[in-house]
């Protein structure tokens, strides 16, 4: 089962909330501190606390910068700092992806290139700790998929080195272009530039909580308290609960009572050759109690018209009806097993339903002059040995 990490941003996200949430989720503090020490940053201390928001226990994090410790660094300097370190390759790449997204957004807002832009928020020690620390946490848990909830956006203004800026901050909204947002009636900065860059860089996008078995939950605590909600970021880590896919399809149907039954074989072959996902025939009792046949075809949306034309031209029906449906399917993988009779493809749906390919088993049975059932069982037994 694939590991999933879900960012539940009901009160937004900041860099310190993301890192604190990963620590609460189980990122060892000594591993985090060792990784940060590799960078050789000076003039700061990392304070990790446990607090409470609205009755929920959570981890809090503060990077305390000494006098003169918050020097200005541009992206090139940060890139050099990370690339020349002995951090793991995955941590380096994740960190650089997040920093590059921040730098691109800042450059776009200021009308400069990534190489030219300088701003304290990018190069400050606390931003570096939050971003590299988060990358260390992601490398520790190694999720295969990362998703997030919809982002709430506060109103009002925020103070920056350039003066008062509207919320969401220009750099934040630049990063979140194309990302679904929801404005709420709260005068506060709920999504910071660093938080936005972390989420957009890591996440496959906002979606409802996927079908998953939640094994760990972590809470990262924000710096301020709100009257209408706990200022927390909730992280959920677990595994996919089901190996299925969802999608849209079109069902095509026709009632037929006057066609030579021999022609169905030809029609069904043509439908599959033309892209039909499934074709079935069912007996009907039609008007005047005449026996008939229901032809049902499941098709992809973009192929429905062509398949309808095929039904009209190759059957005696006078019309085809269609309607859209939602599909939920187990994802299937095909592997090949070596049996004493030869190679047989085996399809596994949902990770637990092995089915030897009939055509392979039939071909081998005819070639080797052995029982079809024996070939089928041989392939099934070999697949089970590998599960």
Protein backbone atom coordinates (compact mmCIF):
# COMPACT_ATOMS: atom_id res chain seq x y z
CA UNK A 1 0.00 0.00 0.00
CA UNK A 2 1.26 3.49 -0.84
CA UNK A 3 2.00 5.92 1.99
CA UNK A 4 -0.08 9.11 2.03
CA UNK A 5 0.57 12.39 3.87
CA UNK A 6 -2.41 14.74 4.12
CA UNK A 7 -2.14 18.42 5.09
CA UNK A 8 -5.42 19.48 6.73
CA UNK A 9 -5.10 23.27 6.54
CA UNK A 10 -8.31 24.35 8.30
CA UNK A 11 -6.42 27.33 9.79
CA UNK A 12 -3.93 27.78 6.97
CA UNK A 13 -0.25 26.92 6.93
CA UNK A 14 3.10 28.52 7.75
CA UNK A 15 6.62 27.16 7.65
CA UNK A 16 6.88 26.73 11.42
CA UNK A 17 3.46 25.03 11.58
CA UNK A 18 4.50 22.54 8.87
CA UNK A 19 7.74 21.63 10.63
CA UNK A 20 6.09 21.48 14.08
CA UNK A 21 3.40 19.20 12.66
CA UNK A 22 6.03 16.83 11.27
CA UNK A 23 7.76 16.73 14.65
CA UNK A 24 4.45 15.93 16.35
CA UNK A 25 3.86 13.28 13.70
CA UNK A 26 7.05 11.52 14.79
CA UNK A 27 10.07 13.19 13.16
CA UNK A 28 12.85 12.60 15.75
CA UNK A 29 14.17 15.89 17.11
CA UNK A 30 17.76 14.67 17.17
CA UNK A 31 17.54 13.73 13.49
CA UNK A 32 16.17 17.18 12.69
CA UNK A 33 18.88 18.99 14.65
CA UNK A 34 21.67 16.88 13.11
CA UNK A 35 20.38 17.68 9.64
CA UNK A 36 20.17 21.41 10.36
CA UNK A 37 23.65 21.41 11.91
CA UNK A 38 25.04 20.16 8.60
CA UNK A 39 24.15 23.52 7.01
CA UNK A 40 26.46 25.37 9.39
CA UNK A 41 23.98 28.20 10.06
CA UNK A 42 25.07 30.49 12.87
CA UNK A 43 23.28 32.86 15.17
CA UNK A 44 20.04 31.04 15.88
CA UNK A 45 18.51 28.56 18.33
CA UNK A 46 15.63 26.16 17.79
CA UNK A 47 12.96 25.97 20.49
CA UNK A 48 10.41 23.14 20.30
CA UNK A 49 7.53 23.24 22.77
CA UNK A 50 4.22 21.54 23.43
CA UNK A 51 1.13 23.67 23.82
CA UNK A 52 -2.63 23.53 23.55
CA UNK A 53 -5.16 25.09 21.21
CA UNK A 54 -8.86 24.67 22.00
CA UNK A 55 -8.18 21.53 23.99
CA UNK A 56 -5.90 19.96 21.33
CA UNK A 57 -2.32 19.18 22.27
CA UNK A 58 0.17 20.32 19.61
CA UNK A 59 3.84 20.98 18.97
CA UNK A 60 5.04 24.55 18.62
CA UNK A 61 8.29 25.74 17.08
CA UNK A 62 10.23 28.98 17.24
CA UNK A 63 13.53 29.90 15.63
CA UNK A 64 15.16 32.51 17.88
CA UNK A 65 17.67 34.60 15.96
CA UNK A 66 20.54 36.30 17.75
CA UNK A 67 21.49 39.92 17.11
CA UNK A 68 22.77 40.17 13.54
CA UNK A 69 21.92 36.54 12.78
CA UNK A 70 19.23 37.29 10.20
CA UNK A 71 21.44 38.23 7.29
CA UNK A 72 20.04 38.85 3.81
CA UNK A 73 20.68 36.00 1.36
CA UNK A 74 19.50 35.61 -2.20
CA UNK A 75 18.52 32.36 -3.90
CA UNK A 76 21.98 31.77 -5.37
CA UNK A 77 23.57 31.98 -1.91
CA UNK A 78 20.99 29.63 -0.43
CA UNK A 79 21.40 27.24 -3.34
CA UNK A 80 25.16 27.16 -2.75
CA UNK A 81 24.63 26.65 1.00
CA UNK A 82 22.41 23.60 0.42
CA UNK A 83 24.23 22.05 -2.55
CA UNK A 84 27.65 22.13 -0.89
CA UNK A 85 26.29 20.52 2.30
CA UNK A 86 26.29 16.79 3.02
CA UNK A 87 22.51 16.61 3.36
CA UNK A 88 20.78 13.66 1.69
CA UNK A 89 20.03 14.19 -1.97
CA UNK A 90 16.28 14.01 -1.39
CA UNK A 91 16.47 16.69 1.31
CA UNK A 92 18.56 18.93 -0.95
CA UNK A 93 16.16 18.61 -3.88
CA UNK A 94 13.02 19.21 -1.83
CA UNK A 95 14.58 22.23 -0.11
CA UNK A 96 15.74 23.76 -3.39
CA UNK A 97 12.34 23.20 -5.01
CA UNK A 98 10.63 25.13 -2.21
CA UNK A 99 13.22 27.95 -2.19
CA UNK A 100 13.09 28.27 -5.96
CA UNK A 101 9.30 28.61 -5.87
CA UNK A 102 9.65 31.35 -3.23
CA UNK A 103 12.33 33.15 -5.22
CA UNK A 104 10.35 32.96 -8.47
CA UNK A 105 7.29 34.44 -6.79
CA UNK A 106 9.30 37.22 -5.15
CA UNK A 107 11.00 38.05 -8.44
CA UNK A 108 7.66 38.20 -10.25
CA UNK A 109 6.19 40.55 -7.64
CA UNK A 110 9.25 42.84 -7.65
CA UNK A 111 9.79 42.74 -11.42
CA UNK A 112 13.25 41.21 -11.15
CA UNK A 113 14.99 37.98 -12.04
CA UNK A 114 15.49 35.17 -9.55
CA UNK A 115 19.21 36.01 -9.43
CA UNK A 116 18.53 39.69 -8.66
CA UNK A 117 15.85 39.42 -6.01
CA UNK A 118 16.88 40.02 -2.40
CA UNK A 119 14.45 39.93 0.46
CA UNK A 120 14.95 39.15 4.08
CA UNK A 121 12.11 36.63 4.31
CA UNK A 122 13.86 34.31 1.81
CA UNK A 123 17.31 34.37 3.34
CA UNK A 124 16.45 34.57 7.03
CA UNK A 125 17.57 31.77 9.32
CA UNK A 126 14.01 30.98 10.38
CA UNK A 127 12.88 30.45 6.75
CA UNK A 128 15.89 28.21 6.09
CA UNK A 129 15.20 26.16 9.22
CA UNK A 130 11.50 25.81 8.38
CA UNK A 131 12.11 24.75 4.77
CA UNK A 132 15.13 22.48 5.21
CA UNK A 133 13.57 21.03 8.38
CA UNK A 134 10.37 20.23 6.49
CA UNK A 135 12.42 18.58 3.75
CA UNK A 136 14.14 16.45 6.40
CA UNK A 137 10.71 15.43 7.70
CA UNK A 138 9.46 14.46 4.24
CA UNK A 139 12.58 12.39 3.65
CA UNK A 140 12.03 10.69 7.02
CA UNK A 141 8.42 9.64 6.33
CA UNK A 142 8.84 9.15 2.55
CA UNK A 143 5.19 9.44 1.54
CA UNK A 144 4.37 8.32 -2.00
CA UNK A 145 1.51 10.83 -2.26
CA UNK A 146 0.95 14.19 -0.58
CA UNK A 147 -2.40 15.99 -0.68
CA UNK A 148 -3.91 18.98 1.06
CA UNK A 149 -7.26 20.43 1.94
CA UNK A 150 -8.58 23.66 0.47
CA UNK A 151 -6.77 26.74 1.78
CA UNK A 152 -8.56 29.40 3.85
CA UNK A 153 -7.42 32.98 3.16
CA UNK A 154 -7.70 35.76 5.75
CA UNK A 155 -8.29 39.46 5.15
CA UNK A 156 -6.62 42.70 6.20
CA UNK A 157 -2.97 43.74 5.99
CA UNK A 158 0.41 42.43 7.09
CA UNK A 159 3.56 44.36 8.00
CA UNK A 160 6.65 43.60 5.90
CA UNK A 161 10.06 45.16 5.31
CA UNK A 162 8.38 47.14 2.51
CA UNK A 163 5.56 48.41 4.72
CA UNK A 164 1.94 47.30 5.00
CA UNK A 165 0.81 44.83 2.35
CA UNK A 166 -2.66 43.42 1.65
CA UNK A 167 -3.58 39.85 2.54
CA UNK A 168 -2.95 37.44 1.07
CA UNK A 169 0.56 38.87 0.76
CA UNK A 170 1.64 39.48 -2.87
CA UNK A 171 4.29 36.76 -2.76
CA UNK A 172 1.80 34.31 -1.24
CA UNK A 173 -0.89 34.87 -3.85
CA UNK A 174 1.74 34.66 -6.61
CA UNK A 175 2.75 31.21 -5.35
CA UNK A 176 -0.90 30.13 -5.07
CA UNK A 177 -1.88 31.05 -8.64
CA UNK A 178 -4.12 28.25 -9.90
CA UNK A 179 -4.61 26.80 -6.39
CA UNK A 180 -8.23 26.74 -5.06
CA UNK A 181 -8.67 29.28 -2.26
CA UNK A 182 -11.50 30.16 0.09
CA UNK A 183 -11.78 33.60 1.70
CA UNK A 184 -12.95 33.68 5.32
CA UNK A 185 -13.98 36.57 7.55
CA UNK A 186 -10.87 36.69 9.72
CA UNK A 187 -8.30 39.50 9.80
CA UNK A 188 -5.14 37.43 9.97
CA UNK A 189 -2.40 36.02 7.76
CA UNK A 190 -3.42 32.37 7.64
CA UNK A 191 -1.13 31.36 4.75
CA UNK A 192 2.43 32.70 4.74
CA UNK A 193 4.73 32.73 1.69
CA UNK A 194 6.85 29.95 3.17
CA UNK A 195 3.78 27.87 4.02
CA UNK A 196 2.38 28.37 0.52
CA UNK A 197 5.69 27.40 -1.11
CA UNK A 198 5.95 24.25 1.01
CA UNK A 199 2.42 23.15 0.21
CA UNK A 200 2.49 23.88 -3.52
CA UNK A 201 5.93 22.27 -3.94
CA UNK A 202 5.03 19.09 -2.08
CA UNK A 203 1.33 18.54 -2.65
CA UNK A 204 -0.41 17.02 -5.66
CA UNK A 205 -3.17 19.55 -5.01
CA UNK A 206 -6.19 20.09 -2.79
CA UNK A 207 -8.75 17.32 -2.49
CA UNK A 208 -11.03 15.81 0.16
CA UNK A 209 -9.42 13.35 2.51
CA UNK A 210 -8.68 10.29 0.33
CA UNK A 211 -9.63 6.75 1.27
CA UNK A 212 -6.81 5.95 3.66
CA UNK A 213 -5.99 4.18 6.89
CA UNK A 214 -4.68 6.93 9.20
CA UNK A 215 -1.80 5.59 11.31
CA UNK A 216 -0.37 8.83 12.74
CA UNK A 217 -1.71 12.33 13.42
CA UNK A 218 0.39 15.41 14.15
CA UNK A 219 -0.56 18.99 15.03
CA UNK A 220 1.61 22.03 14.35
CA UNK A 221 0.72 25.09 16.41
CA UNK A 222 0.58 28.62 14.99
CA UNK A 223 1.92 31.67 16.87
CA UNK A 224 -1.45 33.40 17.38
CA UNK A 225 -4.77 32.36 18.87
CA UNK A 226 -8.09 32.86 17.06
CA UNK A 227 -11.52 33.16 18.59
CA UNK A 228 -13.35 31.09 15.98
CA UNK A 229 -10.94 28.18 15.41
CA UNK A 230 -7.82 26.46 16.75
CA UNK A 231 -4.74 27.87 15.03
CA UNK A 232 -3.37 24.47 14.07
CA UNK A 233 -2.16 22.56 11.05
CA UNK A 234 -3.19 18.90 11.18
CA UNK A 235 -1.08 16.26 9.42
CA UNK A 236 -2.40 12.76 8.79
CA UNK A 237 -0.08 9.97 7.72
CA UNK A 238 -1.14 6.50 6.65
CA UNK A 239 -1.79 4.11 3.80
CA UNK A 240 -4.22 3.85 0.95
CA UNK A 241 -7.33 2.06 2.14
CA UNK A 242 -8.32 0.78 -1.29
CA UNK A 243 -6.49 0.26 -4.57
CA UNK A 244 -9.23 1.59 -6.78
CA UNK A 245 -9.59 4.36 -9.31
CA UNK A 246 -12.59 6.54 -10.05
CA UNK A 247 -13.64 8.03 -13.34
CA UNK A 248 -16.43 8.92 -15.75
CA UNK A 249 -17.88 6.70 -18.48
CA UNK A 250 -20.88 6.54 -20.82
CA UNK A 251 -23.32 3.62 -21.04
CA UNK A 252 -24.81 2.94 -24.50
CA UNK A 253 -27.91 0.73 -24.71
CA UNK A 254 -30.12 -0.66 -27.46
CA UNK A 255 -33.10 -3.06 -27.35
CA UNK A 256 -32.98 -5.50 -30.29
CA UNK A 257 -35.60 -8.11 -31.24
CA UNK A 258 -35.16 -8.73 -34.97
CA UNK A 259 -31.45 -9.44 -35.56
CA UNK A 260 -29.86 -12.74 -36.60
CA UNK A 261 -28.21 -14.00 -33.35
CA UNK A 262 -25.12 -15.01 -35.37
CA UNK A 263 -24.38 -11.34 -36.04
CA UNK A 264 -23.79 -10.51 -32.36
CA UNK A 265 -20.37 -12.17 -32.44
CA UNK A 266 -19.23 -9.88 -35.24
CA UNK A 267 -20.76 -6.78 -33.61
CA UNK A 268 -19.13 -7.46 -30.23
CA UNK A 269 -15.70 -7.95 -31.82
CA UNK A 270 -16.06 -4.66 -33.72
CA UNK A 271 -17.11 -2.82 -30.56
CA UNK A 272 -14.07 -4.01 -28.61
CA UNK A 273 -11.76 -3.21 -31.52
CA UNK A 274 -13.21 0.31 -31.57
CA UNK A 275 -12.47 0.97 -27.89
CA UNK A 276 -15.43 -0.34 -25.89
CA UNK A 277 -14.53 -0.98 -22.26
CA UNK A 278 -17.21 -3.64 -21.81
CA UNK A 279 -19.97 -5.22 -23.90
CA UNK A 280 -22.80 -7.39 -22.55
CA UNK A 281 -26.04 -8.98 -23.78
CA UNK A 282 -29.09 -9.56 -21.56
CA UNK A 283 -32.42 -11.22 -22.40
CA UNK A 284 -35.51 -8.97 -22.55
CA UNK A 285 -39.23 -9.39 -22.82
CA UNK A 286 -40.35 -6.59 -25.12
CA UNK A 287 -43.71 -5.26 -26.33
CA UNK A 288 -46.27 -7.81 -27.44
CA UNK A 289 -44.30 -10.29 -25.30
CA UNK A 290 -41.61 -10.70 -27.94
CA UNK A 291 -38.24 -11.99 -26.65
CA UNK A 292 -35.41 -9.58 -27.30
CA UNK A 293 -31.84 -8.69 -26.32
CA UNK A 294 -30.45 -5.71 -24.44
CA UNK A 295 -27.08 -4.67 -25.84
CA UNK A 296 -25.13 -2.63 -23.28
CA UNK A 297 -21.76 -1.01 -23.98
CA UNK A 298 -19.57 0.90 -21.51
CA UNK A 299 -17.46 3.51 -23.29
CA UNK A 300 -15.05 6.34 -22.62
CA UNK A 301 -16.72 9.70 -23.05
CA UNK A 302 -14.69 10.72 -26.11
CA UNK A 303 -15.44 7.40 -27.88
CA UNK A 304 -19.18 7.22 -27.18
CA UNK A 305 -20.31 8.87 -30.44
CA UNK A 306 -18.22 6.59 -32.66
CA UNK A 307 -19.44 3.48 -30.84
CA UNK A 308 -23.05 4.65 -31.14
CA UNK A 309 -22.60 4.97 -34.90
CA UNK A 310 -21.15 1.46 -35.00
CA UNK A 311 -24.16 0.02 -33.14
CA UNK A 312 -26.55 1.76 -35.54
CA UNK A 313 -24.69 0.56 -38.63
CA UNK A 314 -23.97 -3.03 -37.56
CA UNK A 315 -27.23 -3.94 -35.80
CA UNK A 316 -30.93 -3.69 -36.61
CA UNK A 317 -31.76 -1.27 -33.80
CA UNK A 318 -33.41 2.01 -34.72
CA UNK A 319 -31.85 3.98 -31.86
CA UNK A 320 -29.22 4.06 -29.13
CA UNK A 321 -29.73 5.66 -25.71
CA UNK A 322 -26.84 6.90 -23.58
CA UNK A 323 -26.22 8.19 -20.07
CA UNK A 324 -23.18 9.10 -17.99
CA UNK A 325 -22.04 7.02 -15.02
CA UNK A 326 -19.38 7.22 -12.32
CA UNK A 327 -16.95 4.31 -12.24
CA UNK A 328 -15.01 2.96 -9.29
CA UNK A 329 -12.51 0.32 -10.34
CA UNK A 330 -9.71 -1.62 -8.79
CA UNK A 331 -6.46 -0.65 -10.46
CA UNK A 332 -4.93 -3.65 -12.18
CA UNK A 333 -1.32 -4.62 -12.77
CA UNK A 334 -0.14 -7.33 -15.15
CA UNK A 335 2.89 -9.42 -14.28
CA UNK A 336 4.39 -12.46 -15.96
CA UNK A 337 5.06 -15.73 -14.16
CA UNK A 338 7.25 -18.60 -15.34
CA UNK A 339 5.50 -21.97 -15.09
CA UNK A 340 6.68 -25.41 -16.18
CA UNK A 341 4.55 -24.93 -19.29
CA UNK A 342 5.89 -21.49 -20.17
CA UNK A 343 5.25 -17.84 -19.39
CA UNK A 344 1.74 -16.76 -18.41
CA UNK A 345 0.51 -13.23 -17.82
CA UNK A 346 -1.38 -12.74 -14.55
CA UNK A 347 -3.58 -9.73 -13.85
CA UNK A 348 -3.78 -8.55 -10.24
CA UNK A 349 -6.63 -6.19 -9.34
CA UNK A 350 -6.66 -4.32 -6.05
CA UNK A 351 -3.38 -5.97 -5.08
CA UNK A 352 -5.19 -9.17 -4.06
CA UNK A 353 -7.10 -10.75 -6.95
CA UNK A 354 -4.73 -12.64 -9.25
CA UNK A 355 -6.30 -13.85 -12.51
CA UNK A 356 -4.22 -15.72 -15.11
CA UNK A 357 -4.87 -14.46 -18.64
CA UNK A 358 -7.27 -16.88 -20.32
CA UNK A 359 -5.79 -16.49 -23.82
CA UNK A 360 -2.28 -17.38 -22.55
CA UNK A 361 -3.58 -20.45 -20.71
CA UNK A 362 -5.67 -21.54 -23.74
CA UNK A 363 -2.72 -21.19 -26.13
CA UNK A 364 -0.37 -23.17 -23.87
CA UNK A 365 -2.99 -25.89 -23.25
CA UNK A 366 -3.45 -26.39 -27.01
CA UNK A 367 0.29 -26.29 -27.75
CA UNK A 368 1.30 -28.62 -24.90
CA UNK A 369 -1.85 -30.78 -25.15
CA UNK A 370 -2.53 -30.47 -21.42
CA UNK A 371 -5.61 -29.52 -19.45
CA UNK A 372 -6.58 -25.83 -19.56
CA UNK A 373 -7.48 -26.02 -15.88
CA UNK A 374 -4.03 -27.41 -15.05
CA UNK A 375 -2.24 -24.53 -16.83
CA UNK A 376 -4.52 -21.99 -15.16
CA UNK A 377 -3.91 -23.42 -11.66
CA UNK A 378 -0.16 -23.64 -12.27
CA UNK A 379 -0.06 -19.91 -13.11
CA UNK A 380 -2.23 -19.07 -10.13
CA UNK A 381 -0.04 -21.03 -7.72
CA UNK A 382 3.12 -19.36 -9.02
CA UNK A 383 1.57 -15.91 -8.57
CA UNK A 384 0.47 -16.69 -5.01
CA UNK A 385 4.02 -17.73 -4.17
CA UNK A 386 5.12 -14.16 -5.04
CA UNK A 387 2.42 -12.35 -3.05
